[in-house]
ModelCIF file with pLDDT and N, C-alpha, C, O atoms, coordinates in Angstrom:
data_MODEL
#
_entry.id   MODEL 
#
_entity.id                         1 
_entity.type                       polymer 
_entity.pdbx_number_of_molecules   1 
#
_entity_poly.entity_id                      1 
_entity_poly.type                           'polypeptide(L)' 
_entity_poly.nstd_linkage                   no 
_entity_poly.nstd_monomer                   no 
_entity_poly.pdbx_seq_one_letter_code       ADQPLTVKIQVLNVDPDASYDFILNMCEAEWWNGEMENLRCPSIQ 
_entity_poly.pdbx_seq_one_letter_code_can   ADQPLTVKIQVLNVDPDASYDFILNMCEAEWWNGEMENLRCPSIQ 
_entity_poly.pdbx_strand_id                 A 
#
loop_
_entity_poly_seq.entity_id 
_entity_poly_seq.num 
_entity_poly_seq.mon_id 
_entity_poly_seq.hetero 
1 1  ALA n 
1 2  ASP n 
1 3  GLN n 
1 4  PRO n 
1 5  LEU n 
1 6  THR n 
1 7  VAL n 
1 8  LYS n 
1 9  ILE n 
1 10 GLN n 
1 11 VAL n 
1 12 LEU n 
1 13 ASN n 
1 14 VAL n 
1 15 ASP n 
1 16 PRO n 
1 17 ASP n 
1 18 ALA n 
1 19 SER n 
1 20 TYR n 
1 21 ASP n 
1 22 PHE n 
1 23 ILE n 
1 24 LEU n 
1 25 ASN n 
1 26 MET n 
1 27 CYS n 
1 28 GLU n 
1 29 ALA n 
1 30 GLU n 
1 31 TRP n 
1 32 TRP n 
1 33 ASN n 
1 34 GLY n 
1 35 GLU n 
1 36 MET n 
1 37 GLU n 
1 38 ASN n 
1 39 LEU n 
1 40 ARG n 
1 41 CYS n 
1 42 PRO n 
1 43 SER n 
1 44 ILE n 
1 45 GLN n 
#
_struct_asym.id          A 
_struct_asym.entity_id   1 
#
loop_
_ma_qa_metric.id 
_ma_qa_metric.mode 
_ma_qa_metric.name 
_ma_qa_metric.software_group_id 
_ma_qa_metric.type 
1 global pLDDT . pLDDT 
2 local  pLDDT . pLDDT 
#
_ma_qa_metric_global.metric_id      1 
_ma_qa_metric_global.metric_value   95.11 
_ma_qa_metric_global.model_id       1 
_ma_qa_metric_global.ordinal_id     1 
#
loop_
_ma_qa_metric_local.label_asym_id 
_ma_qa_metric_local.label_comp_id 
_ma_qa_metric_local.label_seq_id 
_ma_qa_metric_local.metric_id 
_ma_qa_metric_local.metric_value 
_ma_qa_metric_local.model_id 
_ma_qa_metric_local.ordinal_id 
A ALA 1  2 97.00 1 1  
A ASP 2  2 97.00 1 2  
A GLN 3  2 98.00 1 3  
A PRO 4  2 98.00 1 4  
A LEU 5  2 98.00 1 5  
A THR 6  2 98.00 1 6  
A VAL 7  2 98.00 1 7  
A LYS 8  2 98.00 1 8  
A ILE 9  2 97.00 1 9  
A GLN 10 2 96.00 1 10 
A VAL 11 2 97.00 1 11 
A LEU 12 2 96.00 1 12 
A ASN 13 2 95.00 1 13 
A VAL 14 2 94.00 1 14 
A ASP 15 2 92.00 1 15 
A PRO 16 2 91.00 1 16 
A ASP 17 2 90.00 1 17 
A ALA 18 2 95.00 1 18 
A SER 19 2 95.00 1 19 
A TYR 20 2 97.00 1 20 
A ASP 21 2 96.00 1 21 
A PHE 22 2 98.00 1 22 
A ILE 23 2 96.00 1 23 
A LEU 24 2 95.00 1 24 
A ASN 25 2 95.00 1 25 
A MET 26 2 96.00 1 26 
A CYS 27 2 94.00 1 27 
A GLU 28 2 96.00 1 28 
A ALA 29 2 98.00 1 29 
A GLU 30 2 98.00 1 30 
A TRP 31 2 97.00 1 31 
A TRP 32 2 97.00 1 32 
A ASN 33 2 97.00 1 33 
A GLY 34 2 96.00 1 34 
A GLU 35 2 95.00 1 35 
A MET 36 2 95.00 1 36 
A GLU 37 2 95.00 1 37 
A ASN 38 2 96.00 1 38 
A LEU 39 2 95.00 1 39 
A ARG 40 2 94.00 1 40 
A CYS 41 2 93.00 1 41 
A PRO 42 2 90.00 1 42 
A SER 43 2 89.00 1 43 
A ILE 44 2 86.00 1 44 
A GLN 45 2 86.00 1 45 
#
loop_
_atom_site.group_PDB 
_atom_site.id 
_atom_site.type_symbol 
_atom_site.label_atom_id 
_atom_site.label_alt_id 
_atom_site.label_comp_id 
_atom_site.label_asym_id 
_atom_site.label_entity_id 
_atom_site.label_seq_id 
_atom_site.pdbx_PDB_ins_code 
_atom_site.Cartn_x 
_atom_site.Cartn_y 
_atom_site.Cartn_z 
_atom_site.occupancy 
_atom_site.B_iso_or_equiv 
_atom_site.pdbx_formal_charge 
_atom_site.auth_seq_id 
_atom_site.auth_comp_id 
_atom_site.auth_asym_id 
_atom_site.auth_atom_id 
_atom_site.pdbx_PDB_model_num 
ATOM 1   N N  . ALA A 1 1  ? -1.665 27.446  -16.673 1.00 97.00 ? 1  ALA A N  1 
ATOM 2   C CA . ALA A 1 1  ? -2.467 26.497  -17.470 1.00 97.00 ? 1  ALA A CA 1 
ATOM 3   C C  . ALA A 1 1  ? -1.585 25.663  -18.394 1.00 97.00 ? 1  ALA A C  1 
ATOM 4   O O  . ALA A 1 1  ? -2.009 25.274  -19.482 1.00 97.00 ? 1  ALA A O  1 
ATOM 5   N N  . ASP A 1 2  ? -0.357 25.390  -17.956 1.00 97.00 ? 2  ASP A N  1 
ATOM 6   C CA . ASP A 1 2  ? 0.599  24.692  -18.813 1.00 97.00 ? 2  ASP A CA 1 
ATOM 7   C C  . ASP A 1 2  ? 1.205  23.443  -18.169 1.00 97.00 ? 2  ASP A C  1 
ATOM 8   O O  . ASP A 1 2  ? 2.172  22.882  -18.685 1.00 97.00 ? 2  ASP A O  1 
ATOM 9   N N  . GLN A 1 3  ? 0.628  23.006  -17.029 1.00 98.00 ? 3  GLN A N  1 
ATOM 10  C CA . GLN A 1 3  ? 1.152  21.825  -16.350 1.00 98.00 ? 3  GLN A CA 1 
ATOM 11  C C  . GLN A 1 3  ? 0.264  20.618  -16.640 1.00 98.00 ? 3  GLN A C  1 
ATOM 12  O O  . GLN A 1 3  ? -0.960 20.743  -16.695 1.00 98.00 ? 3  GLN A O  1 
ATOM 13  N N  . PRO A 1 4  ? 0.882  19.444  -16.827 1.00 98.00 ? 4  PRO A N  1 
ATOM 14  C CA . PRO A 1 4  ? 0.089  18.263  -17.176 1.00 98.00 ? 4  PRO A CA 1 
ATOM 15  C C  . PRO A 1 4  ? -0.534 17.590  -15.961 1.00 98.00 ? 4  PRO A C  1 
ATOM 16  O O  . PRO A 1 4  ? -0.101 17.795  -14.828 1.00 98.00 ? 4  PRO A O  1 
ATOM 17  N N  . LEU A 1 5  ? -1.542 16.798  -16.214 1.00 98.00 ? 5  LEU A N  1 
ATOM 18  C CA . LEU A 1 5  ? -2.033 15.841  -15.234 1.00 98.00 ? 5  LEU A CA 1 
ATOM 19  C C  . LEU A 1 5  ? -1.088 14.643  -15.266 1.00 98.00 ? 5  LEU A C  1 
ATOM 20  O O  . LEU A 1 5  ? -0.584 14.290  -16.333 1.00 98.00 ? 5  LEU A O  1 
ATOM 21  N N  . THR A 1 6  ? -0.838 14.013  -14.122 1.00 98.00 ? 6  THR A N  1 
ATOM 22  C CA . THR A 1 6  ? 0.134  12.924  -14.087 1.00 98.00 ? 6  THR A CA 1 
ATOM 23  C C  . THR A 1 6  ? -0.469 11.661  -13.492 1.00 98.00 ? 6  THR A C  1 
ATOM 24  O O  . THR A 1 6  ? -1.358 11.701  -12.643 1.00 98.00 ? 6  THR A O  1 
ATOM 25  N N  . VAL A 1 7  ? 0.054  10.536  -13.976 1.00 98.00 ? 7  VAL A N  1 
ATOM 26  C CA . VAL A 1 7  ? -0.204 9.249   -13.363 1.00 98.00 ? 7  VAL A CA 1 
ATOM 27  C C  . VAL A 1 7  ? 1.168  8.667   -13.051 1.00 98.00 ? 7  VAL A C  1 
ATOM 28  O O  . VAL A 1 7  ? 1.972  8.420   -13.949 1.00 98.00 ? 7  VAL A O  1 
ATOM 29  N N  . LYS A 1 8  ? 1.424  8.451   -11.747 1.00 98.00 ? 8  LYS A N  1 
ATOM 30  C CA . LYS A 1 8  ? 2.739  7.993   -11.295 1.00 98.00 ? 8  LYS A CA 1 
ATOM 31  C C  . LYS A 1 8  ? 2.558  6.721   -10.479 1.00 98.00 ? 8  LYS A C  1 
ATOM 32  O O  . LYS A 1 8  ? 1.889  6.728   -9.445  1.00 98.00 ? 8  LYS A O  1 
ATOM 33  N N  . ILE A 1 9  ? 3.153  5.636   -10.946 1.00 97.00 ? 9  ILE A N  1 
ATOM 34  C CA . ILE A 1 9  ? 3.016  4.358   -10.247 1.00 97.00 ? 9  ILE A CA 1 
ATOM 35  C C  . ILE A 1 9  ? 4.388  3.731   -10.058 1.00 97.00 ? 9  ILE A C  1 
ATOM 36  O O  . ILE A 1 9  ? 5.367  4.130   -10.689 1.00 97.00 ? 9  ILE A O  1 
ATOM 37  N N  . GLN A 1 10 ? 4.436  2.728   -9.163  1.00 96.00 ? 10 GLN A N  1 
ATOM 38  C CA . GLN A 1 10 ? 5.648  1.933   -8.983  1.00 96.00 ? 10 GLN A CA 1 
ATOM 39  C C  . GLN A 1 10 ? 5.294  0.474   -9.213  1.00 96.00 ? 10 GLN A C  1 
ATOM 40  O O  . GLN A 1 10 ? 4.410  -0.080  -8.560  1.00 96.00 ? 10 GLN A O  1 
ATOM 41  N N  . VAL A 1 11 ? 5.999  -0.134  -10.152 1.00 97.00 ? 11 VAL A N  1 
ATOM 42  C CA . VAL A 1 11 ? 5.791  -1.545  -10.455 1.00 97.00 ? 11 VAL A CA 1 
ATOM 43  C C  . VAL A 1 11 ? 6.759  -2.367  -9.613  1.00 97.00 ? 11 VAL A C  1 
ATOM 44  O O  . VAL A 1 11 ? 7.975  -2.198  -9.694  1.00 97.00 ? 11 VAL A O  1 
ATOM 45  N N  . LEU A 1 12 ? 6.198  -3.254  -8.809  1.00 96.00 ? 12 LEU A N  1 
ATOM 46  C CA . LEU A 1 12 ? 7.016  -4.096  -7.936  1.00 96.00 ? 12 LEU A CA 1 
ATOM 47  C C  . LEU A 1 12 ? 7.305  -5.440  -8.601  1.00 96.00 ? 12 LEU A C  1 
ATOM 48  O O  . LEU A 1 12 ? 6.583  -5.897  -9.486  1.00 96.00 ? 12 LEU A O  1 
ATOM 49  N N  . ASN A 1 13 ? 8.381  -6.041  -8.141  1.00 95.00 ? 13 ASN A N  1 
ATOM 50  C CA . ASN A 1 13 ? 8.782  -7.347  -8.669  1.00 95.00 ? 13 ASN A CA 1 
ATOM 51  C C  . ASN A 1 13 ? 8.023  -8.443  -7.926  1.00 95.00 ? 13 ASN A C  1 
ATOM 52  O O  . ASN A 1 13 ? 8.588  -9.173  -7.111  1.00 95.00 ? 13 ASN A O  1 
ATOM 53  N N  . VAL A 1 14 ? 6.738  -8.537  -8.227  1.00 94.00 ? 14 VAL A N  1 
ATOM 54  C CA . VAL A 1 14 ? 5.884  -9.549  -7.613  1.00 94.00 ? 14 VAL A CA 1 
ATOM 55  C C  . VAL A 1 14 ? 5.253  -10.385 -8.719  1.00 94.00 ? 14 VAL A C  1 
ATOM 56  O O  . VAL A 1 14 ? 5.407  -10.097 -9.906  1.00 94.00 ? 14 VAL A O  1 
ATOM 57  N N  . ASP A 1 15 ? 4.543  -11.419 -8.306  1.00 92.00 ? 15 ASP A N  1 
ATOM 58  C CA . ASP A 1 15 ? 3.936  -12.338 -9.268  1.00 92.00 ? 15 ASP A CA 1 
ATOM 59  C C  . ASP A 1 15 ? 2.728  -11.681 -9.930  1.00 92.00 ? 15 ASP A C  1 
ATOM 60  O O  . ASP A 1 15 ? 1.709  -11.478 -9.270  1.00 92.00 ? 15 ASP A O  1 
ATOM 61  N N  . PRO A 1 16 ? 2.814  -11.342 -11.217 1.00 91.00 ? 16 PRO A N  1 
ATOM 62  C CA . PRO A 1 16 ? 1.677  -10.678 -11.872 1.00 91.00 ? 16 PRO A CA 1 
ATOM 63  C C  . PRO A 1 16 ? 0.470  -11.593 -12.040 1.00 91.00 ? 16 PRO A C  1 
ATOM 64  O O  . PRO A 1 16 ? -0.634 -11.123 -12.312 1.00 91.00 ? 16 PRO A O  1 
ATOM 65  N N  . ASP A 1 17 ? 0.676  -12.890 -11.879 1.00 90.00 ? 17 ASP A N  1 
ATOM 66  C CA . ASP A 1 17 ? -0.433 -13.833 -12.034 1.00 90.00 ? 17 ASP A CA 1 
ATOM 67  C C  . ASP A 1 17 ? -1.114 -14.159 -10.702 1.00 90.00 ? 17 ASP A C  1 
ATOM 68  O O  . ASP A 1 17 ? -2.019 -14.992 -10.653 1.00 90.00 ? 17 ASP A O  1 
ATOM 69  N N  . ALA A 1 18 ? -0.680 -13.507 -9.631  1.00 95.00 ? 18 ALA A N  1 
ATOM 70  C CA . ALA A 1 18 ? -1.281 -13.780 -8.331  1.00 95.00 ? 18 ALA A CA 1 
ATOM 71  C C  . ALA A 1 18 ? -2.736 -13.313 -8.304  1.00 95.00 ? 18 ALA A C  1 
ATOM 72  O O  . ALA A 1 18 ? -3.081 -12.266 -8.852  1.00 95.00 ? 18 ALA A O  1 
ATOM 73  N N  . SER A 1 19 ? -3.575 -14.115 -7.654  1.00 95.00 ? 19 SER A N  1 
ATOM 74  C CA . SER A 1 19 ? -4.980 -13.736 -7.517  1.00 95.00 ? 19 SER A CA 1 
ATOM 75  C C  . SER A 1 19 ? -5.133 -12.584 -6.519  1.00 95.00 ? 19 SER A C  1 
ATOM 76  O O  . SER A 1 19 ? -6.027 -11.749 -6.658  1.00 95.00 ? 19 SER A O  1 
ATOM 77  N N  . TYR A 1 20 ? -4.261 -12.548 -5.520  1.00 97.00 ? 20 TYR A N  1 
ATOM 78  C CA . TYR A 1 20 ? -4.309 -11.478 -4.516  1.00 97.00 ? 20 TYR A CA 1 
ATOM 79  C C  . TYR A 1 20 ? -2.910 -11.293 -3.952  1.00 97.00 ? 20 TYR A C  1 
ATOM 80  O O  . TYR A 1 20 ? -2.235 -12.261 -3.601  1.00 97.00 ? 20 TYR A O  1 
ATOM 81  N N  . ASP A 1 21 ? -2.474 -10.012 -3.867  1.00 96.00 ? 21 ASP A N  1 
ATOM 82  C CA . ASP A 1 21 ? -1.138 -9.711  -3.349  1.00 96.00 ? 21 ASP A CA 1 
ATOM 83  C C  . ASP A 1 21 ? -1.285 -8.919  -2.046  1.00 96.00 ? 21 ASP A C  1 
ATOM 84  O O  . ASP A 1 21 ? -1.937 -7.876  -2.017  1.00 96.00 ? 21 ASP A O  1 
ATOM 85  N N  . PHE A 1 22 ? -0.674 -9.423  -0.972  1.00 98.00 ? 22 PHE A N  1 
ATOM 86  C CA . PHE A 1 22 ? -0.824 -8.805  0.346   1.00 98.00 ? 22 PHE A CA 1 
ATOM 87  C C  . PHE A 1 22 ? 0.050  -7.564  0.517   1.00 98.00 ? 22 PHE A C  1 
ATOM 88  O O  . PHE A 1 22 ? -0.227 -6.735  1.384   1.00 98.00 ? 22 PHE A O  1 
ATOM 89  N N  . ILE A 1 23 ? 1.100  -7.420  -0.295  1.00 96.00 ? 23 ILE A N  1 
ATOM 90  C CA . ILE A 1 23 ? 1.918  -6.203  -0.232  1.00 96.00 ? 23 ILE A CA 1 
ATOM 91  C C  . ILE A 1 23 ? 1.236  -5.071  -0.995  1.00 96.00 ? 23 ILE A C  1 
ATOM 92  O O  . ILE A 1 23 ? 1.141  -3.949  -0.496  1.00 96.00 ? 23 ILE A O  1 
ATOM 93  N N  . LEU A 1 24 ? 0.765  -5.365  -2.197  1.00 95.00 ? 24 LEU A N  1 
ATOM 94  C CA . LEU A 1 24 ? 0.111  -4.323  -2.994  1.00 95.00 ? 24 LEU A CA 1 
ATOM 95  C C  . LEU A 1 24 ? -1.145 -3.801  -2.303  1.00 95.00 ? 24 LEU A C  1 
ATOM 96  O O  . LEU A 1 24 ? -1.544 -2.656  -2.514  1.00 95.00 ? 24 LEU A O  1 
ATOM 97  N N  . ASN A 1 25 ? -1.757 -4.632  -1.489  1.00 95.00 ? 25 ASN A N  1 
ATOM 98  C CA . ASN A 1 25 ? -2.992 -4.253  -0.799  1.00 95.00 ? 25 ASN A CA 1 
ATOM 99  C C  . ASN A 1 25 ? -2.786 -4.054  0.699   1.00 95.00 ? 25 ASN A C  1 
ATOM 100 O O  . ASN A 1 25 ? -3.747 -4.098  1.466   1.00 95.00 ? 25 ASN A O  1 
ATOM 101 N N  . MET A 1 26 ? -1.540 -3.835  1.123   1.00 96.00 ? 26 MET A N  1 
ATOM 102 C CA . MET A 1 26 ? -1.263 -3.791  2.569   1.00 96.00 ? 26 MET A CA 1 
ATOM 103 C C  . MET A 1 26 ? -2.013 -2.661  3.268   1.00 96.00 ? 26 MET A C  1 
ATOM 104 O O  . MET A 1 26 ? -2.405 -2.817  4.424   1.00 96.00 ? 26 MET A O  1 
ATOM 105 N N  . CYS A 1 27 ? -2.221 -1.538  2.604   1.00 94.00 ? 27 CYS A N  1 
ATOM 106 C CA . CYS A 1 27 ? -2.899 -0.417  3.274   1.00 94.00 ? 27 CYS A CA 1 
ATOM 107 C C  . CYS A 1 27 ? -4.416 -0.502  3.152   1.00 94.00 ? 27 CYS A C  1 
ATOM 108 O O  . CYS A 1 27 ? -5.133 0.383   3.619   1.00 94.00 ? 27 CYS A O  1 
ATOM 109 N N  . GLU A 1 28 ? -4.904 -1.582  2.517   1.00 96.00 ? 28 GLU A N  1 
ATOM 110 C CA . GLU A 1 28 ? -6.330 -1.878  2.561   1.00 96.00 ? 28 GLU A CA 1 
ATOM 111 C C  . GLU A 1 28 ? -6.663 -2.645  3.836   1.00 96.00 ? 28 GLU A C  1 
ATOM 112 O O  . GLU A 1 28 ? -7.831 -2.781  4.202   1.00 96.00 ? 28 GLU A O  1 
ATOM 113 N N  . ALA A 1 29 ? -5.632 -3.142  4.507   1.00 98.00 ? 29 ALA A N  1 
ATOM 114 C CA . ALA A 1 29 ? -5.836 -3.929  5.728   1.00 98.00 ? 29 ALA A CA 1 
ATOM 115 C C  . ALA A 1 29 ? -5.957 -3.023  6.946   1.00 98.00 ? 29 ALA A C  1 
ATOM 116 O O  . ALA A 1 29 ? -5.541 -1.865  6.919   1.00 98.00 ? 29 ALA A O  1 
ATOM 117 N N  . GLU A 1 30 ? -6.534 -3.568  8.017   1.00 98.00 ? 30 GLU A N  1 
ATOM 118 C CA . GLU A 1 30 ? -6.599 -2.894  9.311   1.00 98.00 ? 30 GLU A CA 1 
ATOM 119 C C  . GLU A 1 30 ? -5.444 -3.426  10.157  1.00 98.00 ? 30 GLU A C  1 
ATOM 120 O O  . GLU A 1 30 ? -5.346 -4.631  10.390  1.00 98.00 ? 30 GLU A O  1 
ATOM 121 N N  . TRP A 1 31 ? -4.563 -2.523  10.620  1.00 97.00 ? 31 TRP A N  1 
ATOM 122 C CA . TRP A 1 31 ? -3.385 -2.937  11.370  1.00 97.00 ? 31 TRP A CA 1 
ATOM 123 C C  . TRP A 1 31 ? -3.495 -2.482  12.824  1.00 97.00 ? 31 TRP A C  1 
ATOM 124 O O  . TRP A 1 31 ? -3.967 -1.379  13.101  1.00 97.00 ? 31 TRP A O  1 
ATOM 125 N N  . TRP A 1 32 ? -3.050 -3.352  13.765  1.00 97.00 ? 32 TRP A N  1 
ATOM 126 C CA . TRP A 1 32 ? -3.033 -3.000  15.180  1.00 97.00 ? 32 TRP A CA 1 
ATOM 127 C C  . TRP A 1 32 ? -1.891 -3.754  15.867  1.00 97.00 ? 32 TRP A C  1 
ATOM 128 O O  . TRP A 1 32 ? -1.304 -4.674  15.297  1.00 97.00 ? 32 TRP A O  1 
ATOM 129 N N  . ASN A 1 33 ? -1.594 -3.350  17.086  1.00 97.00 ? 33 ASN A N  1 
ATOM 130 C CA . ASN A 1 33 ? -0.491 -3.982  17.825  1.00 97.00 ? 33 ASN A CA 1 
ATOM 131 C C  . ASN A 1 33 ? -1.005 -4.749  19.043  1.00 97.00 ? 33 ASN A C  1 
ATOM 132 O O  . ASN A 1 33 ? -2.212 -4.871  19.251  1.00 97.00 ? 33 ASN A O  1 
ATOM 133 N N  . GLY A 1 34 ? -0.054 -5.271  19.856  1.00 96.00 ? 34 GLY A N  1 
ATOM 134 C CA . GLY A 1 34 ? -0.420 -6.074  21.016  1.00 96.00 ? 34 GLY A CA 1 
ATOM 135 C C  . GLY A 1 34 ? -1.140 -5.309  22.099  1.00 96.00 ? 34 GLY A C  1 
ATOM 136 O O  . GLY A 1 34 ? -1.727 -5.920  22.992  1.00 96.00 ? 34 GLY A O  1 
ATOM 137 N N  . GLU A 1 35 ? -1.114 -3.991  22.048  1.00 95.00 ? 35 GLU A N  1 
ATOM 138 C CA . GLU A 1 35 ? -1.870 -3.163  22.985  1.00 95.00 ? 35 GLU A CA 1 
ATOM 139 C C  . GLU A 1 35 ? -3.228 -2.776  22.413  1.00 95.00 ? 35 GLU A C  1 
ATOM 140 O O  . GLU A 1 35 ? -3.929 -1.934  22.974  1.00 95.00 ? 35 GLU A O  1 
ATOM 141 N N  . MET A 1 36 ? -3.591 -3.389  21.304  1.00 95.00 ? 36 MET A N  1 
ATOM 142 C CA . MET A 1 36 ? -4.852 -3.115  20.593  1.00 95.00 ? 36 MET A CA 1 
ATOM 143 C C  . MET A 1 36 ? -4.941 -1.669  20.124  1.00 95.00 ? 36 MET A C  1 
ATOM 144 O O  . MET A 1 36 ? -6.027 -1.096  20.045  1.00 95.00 ? 36 MET A O  1 
ATOM 145 N N  . GLU A 1 37 ? -3.782 -1.084  19.813  1.00 95.00 ? 37 GLU A N  1 
ATOM 146 C CA . GLU A 1 37 ? -3.739 0.275   19.258  1.00 95.00 ? 37 GLU A CA 1 
ATOM 147 C C  . GLU A 1 37 ? -3.726 0.178   17.737  1.00 95.00 ? 37 GLU A C  1 
ATOM 148 O O  . GLU A 1 37 ? -2.969 -0.611  17.172  1.00 95.00 ? 37 GLU A O  1 
ATOM 149 N N  . ASN A 1 38 ? -4.549 0.966   17.081  1.00 96.00 ? 38 ASN A N  1 
ATOM 150 C CA . ASN A 1 38 ? -4.566 0.978   15.625  1.00 96.00 ? 38 ASN A CA 1 
ATOM 151 C C  . ASN A 1 38 ? -3.301 1.648   15.101  1.00 96.00 ? 38 ASN A C  1 
ATOM 152 O O  . ASN A 1 38 ? -2.820 2.624   15.675  1.00 96.00 ? 38 ASN A O  1 
ATOM 153 N N  . LEU A 1 39 ? -2.771 1.118   14.015  1.00 95.00 ? 39 LEU A N  1 
ATOM 154 C CA . LEU A 1 39 ? -1.548 1.631   13.404  1.00 95.00 ? 39 LEU A CA 1 
ATOM 155 C C  . LEU A 1 39 ? -1.840 2.153   12.011  1.00 95.00 ? 39 LEU A C  1 
ATOM 156 O O  . LEU A 1 39 ? -2.679 1.617   11.286  1.00 95.00 ? 39 LEU A O  1 
ATOM 157 N N  . ARG A 1 40 ? -1.131 3.208   11.655  1.00 94.00 ? 40 ARG A N  1 
ATOM 158 C CA . ARG A 1 40 ? -1.251 3.755   10.299  1.00 94.00 ? 40 ARG A CA 1 
ATOM 159 C C  . ARG A 1 40 ? -0.543 2.841   9.316   1.00 94.00 ? 40 ARG A C  1 
ATOM 160 O O  . ARG A 1 40 ? 0.285  2.017   9.705   1.00 94.00 ? 40 ARG A O  1 
ATOM 161 N N  . CYS A 1 41 ? -0.873 2.989   8.043   1.00 93.00 ? 41 CYS A N  1 
ATOM 162 C CA . CYS A 1 41 ? -0.204 2.221   6.996   1.00 93.00 ? 41 CYS A CA 1 
ATOM 163 C C  . CYS A 1 41 ? 0.193  3.159   5.858   1.00 93.00 ? 41 CYS A C  1 
ATOM 164 O O  . CYS A 1 41 ? -0.658 3.847   5.294   1.00 93.00 ? 41 CYS A O  1 
ATOM 165 N N  . PRO A 1 42 ? 1.498  3.189   5.514   1.00 90.00 ? 42 PRO A N  1 
ATOM 166 C CA . PRO A 1 42 ? 2.576  2.577   6.291   1.00 90.00 ? 42 PRO A CA 1 
ATOM 167 C C  . PRO A 1 42 ? 2.738  3.293   7.621   1.00 90.00 ? 42 PRO A C  1 
ATOM 168 O O  . PRO A 1 42 ? 2.435  4.480   7.739   1.00 90.00 ? 42 PRO A O  1 
ATOM 169 N N  . SER A 1 43 ? 3.221  2.556   8.634   1.00 89.00 ? 43 SER A N  1 
ATOM 170 C CA . SER A 1 43 ? 3.311  3.106   9.984   1.00 89.00 ? 43 SER A CA 1 
ATOM 171 C C  . SER A 1 43 ? 4.583  3.917   10.167  1.00 89.00 ? 43 SER A C  1 
ATOM 172 O O  . SER A 1 43 ? 5.558  3.760   9.432   1.00 89.00 ? 43 SER A O  1 
ATOM 173 N N  . ILE A 1 44 ? 4.548  4.789   11.170  1.00 86.00 ? 44 ILE A N  1 
ATOM 174 C CA . ILE A 1 44 ? 5.770  5.445   11.617  1.00 86.00 ? 44 ILE A CA 1 
ATOM 175 C C  . ILE A 1 44 ? 6.648  4.386   12.268  1.00 86.00 ? 44 ILE A C  1 
ATOM 176 O O  . ILE A 1 44 ? 6.181  3.617   13.109  1.00 86.00 ? 44 ILE A O  1 
ATOM 177 N N  . GLN A 1 45 ? 7.904  4.345   11.883  1.00 86.00 ? 45 GLN A N  1 
ATOM 178 C CA . GLN A 1 45 ? 8.799  3.293   12.372  1.00 86.00 ? 45 GLN A CA 1 
ATOM 179 C C  . GLN A 1 45 ? 9.154  3.550   13.838  1.00 86.00 ? 45 GLN A C  1 
ATOM 180 O O  . GLN A 1 45 ? 9.900  2.776   14.438  1.00 86.00 ? 45 GLN A O  1 
#
């Protein structure tokens, strides 16, 4: 009963005034390839 709750984030060097950022929201997108196979985000390389 002695461990804290944590909030851990990474701040990227992007435009903070952007209305929408496609990198910060990349895993909100649906990704697929030319074979119409769904891909995980981030994907296995």
